[in-house]
């Protein structure tokens, strides 16, 4: 049973490596077109391998941060902690995190309004307006 799980993990890692290699190849093509430089197949393979290994390290670090906080879920705070050494990356991640949080709050408000309207209830703003009118 454990051998089947190990084989499945190996195949998954192989698929992930292939996806990383493909993405790195696409990015290198874009750079080639923009900067008029060439990347050898060996350099693309090396960049792909380094990228994959760094992602494995990041994944382990994120898992450890969550475990240290006695959680089973990685949060944006864990990602920010991981990115703390790169000010520009930390700033970007913080900005995106705030945008997502704001967007999530807006979605929750819309859902709340929809469910209230479906039940025939008034939202707090509508209740206040009705009281003011009377």
C-alpha atoms as a PDB file:
ATOM      1  CA  UNK A   1       0.000   0.000   0.000  1.00  0.00           C
ATOM      2  CA  UNK A   2       2.813   2.419   0.908  1.00  0.00           C
ATOM      3  CA  UNK A   3       4.574   1.588  -2.357  1.00  0.00           C
ATOM      4  CA  UNK A   4       1.488   2.648  -4.325  1.00  0.00           C
ATOM      5  CA  UNK A   5       1.392   5.966  -2.444  1.00  0.00           C
ATOM      6  CA  UNK A   6       5.095   6.527  -3.117  1.00  0.00           C
ATOM      7  CA  UNK A   7       4.622   5.835  -6.811  1.00  0.00           C
ATOM      8  CA  UNK A   8       1.674   8.225  -6.936  1.00  0.00           C
ATOM      9  CA  UNK A   9       3.776  10.938  -5.276  1.00  0.00           C
ATOM     10  CA  UNK A  10       6.604  10.359  -7.726  1.00  0.00           C
ATOM     11  CA  UNK A  11       4.240  10.660 -10.693  1.00  0.00           C
ATOM     12  CA  UNK A  12       2.705  13.808  -9.268  1.00  0.00           C
ATOM     13  CA  UNK A  13       6.163  15.336  -8.727  1.00  0.00           C
ATOM     14  CA  UNK A  14       7.061  14.412 -12.304  1.00  0.00           C
ATOM     15  CA  UNK A  15       3.926  16.133 -13.626  1.00  0.00           C
ATOM     16  CA  UNK A  16       4.641  19.220 -11.525  1.00  0.00           C
ATOM     17  CA  UNK A  17       8.229  19.326 -12.790  1.00  0.00           C
ATOM     18  CA  UNK A  18       6.958  19.117 -16.360  1.00  0.00           C
ATOM     19  CA  UNK A  19       4.525  21.977 -15.718  1.00  0.00           C
ATOM     20  CA  UNK A  20       7.285  24.111 -14.181  1.00  0.00           C
ATOM     21  CA  UNK A  21       9.577  23.319 -17.118  1.00  0.00           C
ATOM     22  CA  UNK A  22       6.849  24.318 -19.580  1.00  0.00           C
ATOM     23  CA  UNK A  23       6.168  27.594 -17.716  1.00  0.00           C
ATOM     24  CA  UNK A  24       9.867  28.453 -17.507  1.00  0.00           C
ATOM     25  CA  UNK A  25      10.191  27.720 -21.233  1.00  0.00           C
ATOM     26  CA  UNK A  26       7.304  30.099 -22.003  1.00  0.00           C
ATOM     27  CA  UNK A  27       8.796  32.822 -19.811  1.00  0.00           C
ATOM     28  CA  UNK A  28      12.194  32.397 -21.452  1.00  0.00           C
ATOM     29  CA  UNK A  29      10.567  32.738 -24.883  1.00  0.00           C
ATOM     30  CA  UNK A  30       8.974  36.016 -23.797  1.00  0.00           C
ATOM     31  CA  UNK A  31      12.320  37.305 -22.538  1.00  0.00           C
ATOM     32  CA  UNK A  32      13.979  36.199 -25.780  1.00  0.00           C
ATOM     33  CA  UNK A  33      11.466  38.230 -27.795  1.00  0.00           C
ATOM     34  CA  UNK A  34      11.680  41.299 -25.535  1.00  0.00           C
ATOM     35  CA  UNK A  35      15.428  41.401 -24.944  1.00  0.00           C
ATOM     36  CA  UNK A  36      16.764  39.730 -28.094  1.00  0.00           C
ATOM     37  CA  UNK A  37      18.671  37.077 -26.126  1.00  0.00           C
ATOM     38  CA  UNK A  38      18.775  33.300 -26.480  1.00  0.00           C
ATOM     39  CA  UNK A  39      18.353  30.585 -23.840  1.00  0.00           C
ATOM     40  CA  UNK A  40      19.872  27.163 -24.422  1.00  0.00           C
ATOM     41  CA  UNK A  41      17.847  24.059 -23.593  1.00  0.00           C
ATOM     42  CA  UNK A  42      20.311  23.347 -20.794  1.00  0.00           C
ATOM     43  CA  UNK A  43      19.829  26.774 -19.227  1.00  0.00           C
ATOM     44  CA  UNK A  44      16.033  26.409 -19.384  1.00  0.00           C
ATOM     45  CA  UNK A  45      16.347  22.980 -17.742  1.00  0.00           C
ATOM     46  CA  UNK A  46      18.636  24.396 -15.030  1.00  0.00           C
ATOM     47  CA  UNK A  47      16.277  27.312 -14.321  1.00  0.00           C
ATOM     48  CA  UNK A  48      13.368  24.850 -14.179  1.00  0.00           C
ATOM     49  CA  UNK A  49      15.154  22.562 -11.724  1.00  0.00           C
ATOM     50  CA  UNK A  50      16.185  25.453  -9.460  1.00  0.00           C
ATOM     51  CA  UNK A  51      12.648  26.848  -9.550  1.00  0.00           C
ATOM     52  CA  UNK A  52      11.129  23.465  -8.675  1.00  0.00           C
ATOM     53  CA  UNK A  53      13.543  22.921  -5.781  1.00  0.00           C
ATOM     54  CA  UNK A  54      12.920  26.417  -4.433  1.00  0.00           C
ATOM     55  CA  UNK A  55       9.151  25.804  -4.576  1.00  0.00           C
ATOM     56  CA  UNK A  56       9.653  22.597  -2.570  1.00  0.00           C
ATOM     57  CA  UNK A  57      11.584  24.575   0.043  1.00  0.00           C
ATOM     58  CA  UNK A  58       8.871  27.237   0.128  1.00  0.00           C
ATOM     59  CA  UNK A  59       6.165  24.584   0.542  1.00  0.00           C
ATOM     60  CA  UNK A  60       8.001  22.970   3.468  1.00  0.00           C
ATOM     61  CA  UNK A  61       8.601  26.361   5.101  1.00  0.00           C
ATOM     62  CA  UNK A  62       4.942  27.337   4.748  1.00  0.00           C
ATOM     63  CA  UNK A  63       3.878  24.014   6.226  1.00  0.00           C
ATOM     64  CA  UNK A  64       6.238  24.517   9.166  1.00  0.00           C
ATOM     65  CA  UNK A  65       4.996  28.076   9.774  1.00  0.00           C
ATOM     66  CA  UNK A  66       1.411  26.823   9.947  1.00  0.00           C
ATOM     67  CA  UNK A  67       2.361  23.863  12.132  1.00  0.00           C
ATOM     68  CA  UNK A  68       4.300  26.145  14.483  1.00  0.00           C
ATOM     69  CA  UNK A  69       1.135  28.240  14.863  1.00  0.00           C
ATOM     70  CA  UNK A  70      -0.770  25.005  15.606  1.00  0.00           C
ATOM     71  CA  UNK A  71      -2.789  25.283  12.401  1.00  0.00           C
ATOM     72  CA  UNK A  72      -3.324  22.850   9.556  1.00  0.00           C
ATOM     73  CA  UNK A  73      -3.983  25.560   6.990  1.00  0.00           C
ATOM     74  CA  UNK A  74      -1.400  27.880   5.432  1.00  0.00           C
ATOM     75  CA  UNK A  75      -2.581  31.502   5.624  1.00  0.00           C
ATOM     76  CA  UNK A  76      -1.579  34.721   3.914  1.00  0.00           C
ATOM     77  CA  UNK A  77       0.332  35.612   7.074  1.00  0.00           C
ATOM     78  CA  UNK A  78       2.527  32.540   6.491  1.00  0.00           C
ATOM     79  CA  UNK A  79       3.165  33.643   2.903  1.00  0.00           C
ATOM     80  CA  UNK A  80       4.066  37.148   4.100  1.00  0.00           C
ATOM     81  CA  UNK A  81       6.473  35.644   6.619  1.00  0.00           C
ATOM     82  CA  UNK A  82       8.070  33.618   3.821  1.00  0.00           C
ATOM     83  CA  UNK A  83       8.448  36.739   1.659  1.00  0.00           C
ATOM     84  CA  UNK A  84       9.820  38.959   4.429  1.00  0.00           C
ATOM     85  CA  UNK A  85      13.373  39.055   2.997  1.00  0.00           C
ATOM     86  CA  UNK A  86      12.224  40.653  -0.253  1.00  0.00           C
ATOM     87  CA  UNK A  87      10.672  44.033   0.462  1.00  0.00           C
ATOM     88  CA  UNK A  88       9.164  44.394  -3.014  1.00  0.00           C
ATOM     89  CA  UNK A  89       7.658  40.892  -2.899  1.00  0.00           C
ATOM     90  CA  UNK A  90       6.325  41.430   0.619  1.00  0.00           C
ATOM     91  CA  UNK A  91       4.764  44.733  -0.445  1.00  0.00           C
ATOM     92  CA  UNK A  92       3.150  43.082  -3.489  1.00  0.00           C
ATOM     93  CA  UNK A  93       1.808  40.137  -1.469  1.00  0.00           C
ATOM     94  CA  UNK A  94       0.459  42.467   1.224  1.00  0.00           C
ATOM     95  CA  UNK A  95      -1.292  44.588  -1.413  1.00  0.00           C
ATOM     96  CA  UNK A  96      -2.850  41.537  -3.090  1.00  0.00           C
ATOM     97  CA  UNK A  97      -3.861  40.122   0.282  1.00  0.00           C
ATOM     98  CA  UNK A  98      -5.654  43.351   1.167  1.00  0.00           C
ATOM     99  CA  UNK A  99      -7.376  43.410  -2.240  1.00  0.00           C
ATOM    100  CA  UNK A 100      -8.578  39.832  -1.745  1.00  0.00           C
ATOM    101  CA  UNK A 101      -9.814  40.560   1.759  1.00  0.00           C
ATOM    102  CA  UNK A 102     -11.714  43.600   0.511  1.00  0.00           C
ATOM    103  CA  UNK A 103     -13.198  41.619  -2.364  1.00  0.00           C
ATOM    104  CA  UNK A 104     -14.232  38.806   0.012  1.00  0.00           C
ATOM    105  CA  UNK A 105     -15.959  41.306   2.309  1.00  0.00           C
ATOM    106  CA  UNK A 106     -17.872  42.769  -0.648  1.00  0.00           C
ATOM    107  CA  UNK A 107     -18.953  39.266  -1.728  1.00  0.00           C
ATOM    108  CA  UNK A 108     -20.150  38.458   1.798  1.00  0.00           C
ATOM    109  CA  UNK A 109     -22.150  41.694   1.927  1.00  0.00           C
ATOM    110  CA  UNK A 110     -23.779  40.907  -1.430  1.00  0.00           C
ATOM    111  CA  UNK A 111     -24.687  37.403  -0.257  1.00  0.00           C
ATOM    112  CA  UNK A 112     -26.086  38.790   2.993  1.00  0.00           C
ATOM    113  CA  UNK A 113     -28.220  41.313   1.095  1.00  0.00           C
ATOM    114  CA  UNK A 114     -29.459  38.626  -1.320  1.00  0.00           C
ATOM    115  CA  UNK A 115     -30.420  36.227   1.456  1.00  0.00           C
ATOM    116  CA  UNK A 116     -32.132  39.022   3.392  1.00  0.00           C
ATOM    117  CA  UNK A 117     -34.058  40.107   0.296  1.00  0.00           C
ATOM    118  CA  UNK A 118     -35.072  36.510  -0.439  1.00  0.00           C
ATOM    119  CA  UNK A 119     -36.398  36.148   3.112  1.00  0.00           C
ATOM    120  CA  UNK A 120     -38.183  39.483   2.868  1.00  0.00           C
ATOM    121  CA  UNK A 121     -36.007  40.989   5.598  1.00  0.00           C
ATOM    122  CA  UNK A 122     -34.656  44.497   5.526  1.00  0.00           C
ATOM    123  CA  UNK A 123     -30.970  45.250   5.695  1.00  0.00           C
ATOM    124  CA  UNK A 124     -29.818  47.494   8.582  1.00  0.00           C
ATOM    125  CA  UNK A 125     -29.569  50.433   6.169  1.00  0.00           C
ATOM    126  CA  UNK A 126     -33.103  49.864   4.888  1.00  0.00           C
ATOM    127  CA  UNK A 127     -34.420  49.541   8.438  1.00  0.00           C
ATOM    128  CA  UNK A 128     -32.820  52.837   9.387  1.00  0.00           C
ATOM    129  CA  UNK A 129     -34.273  54.539   6.297  1.00  0.00           C
ATOM    130  CA  UNK A 130     -37.747  53.189   7.101  1.00  0.00           C
ATOM    131  CA  UNK A 131     -37.522  54.455  10.686  1.00  0.00           C
ATOM    132  CA  UNK A 132     -36.366  57.877   9.452  1.00  0.00           C
ATOM    133  CA  UNK A 133     -39.278  58.103   6.989  1.00  0.00           C
ATOM    134  CA  UNK A 134     -41.822  57.405   9.722  1.00  0.00           C
END
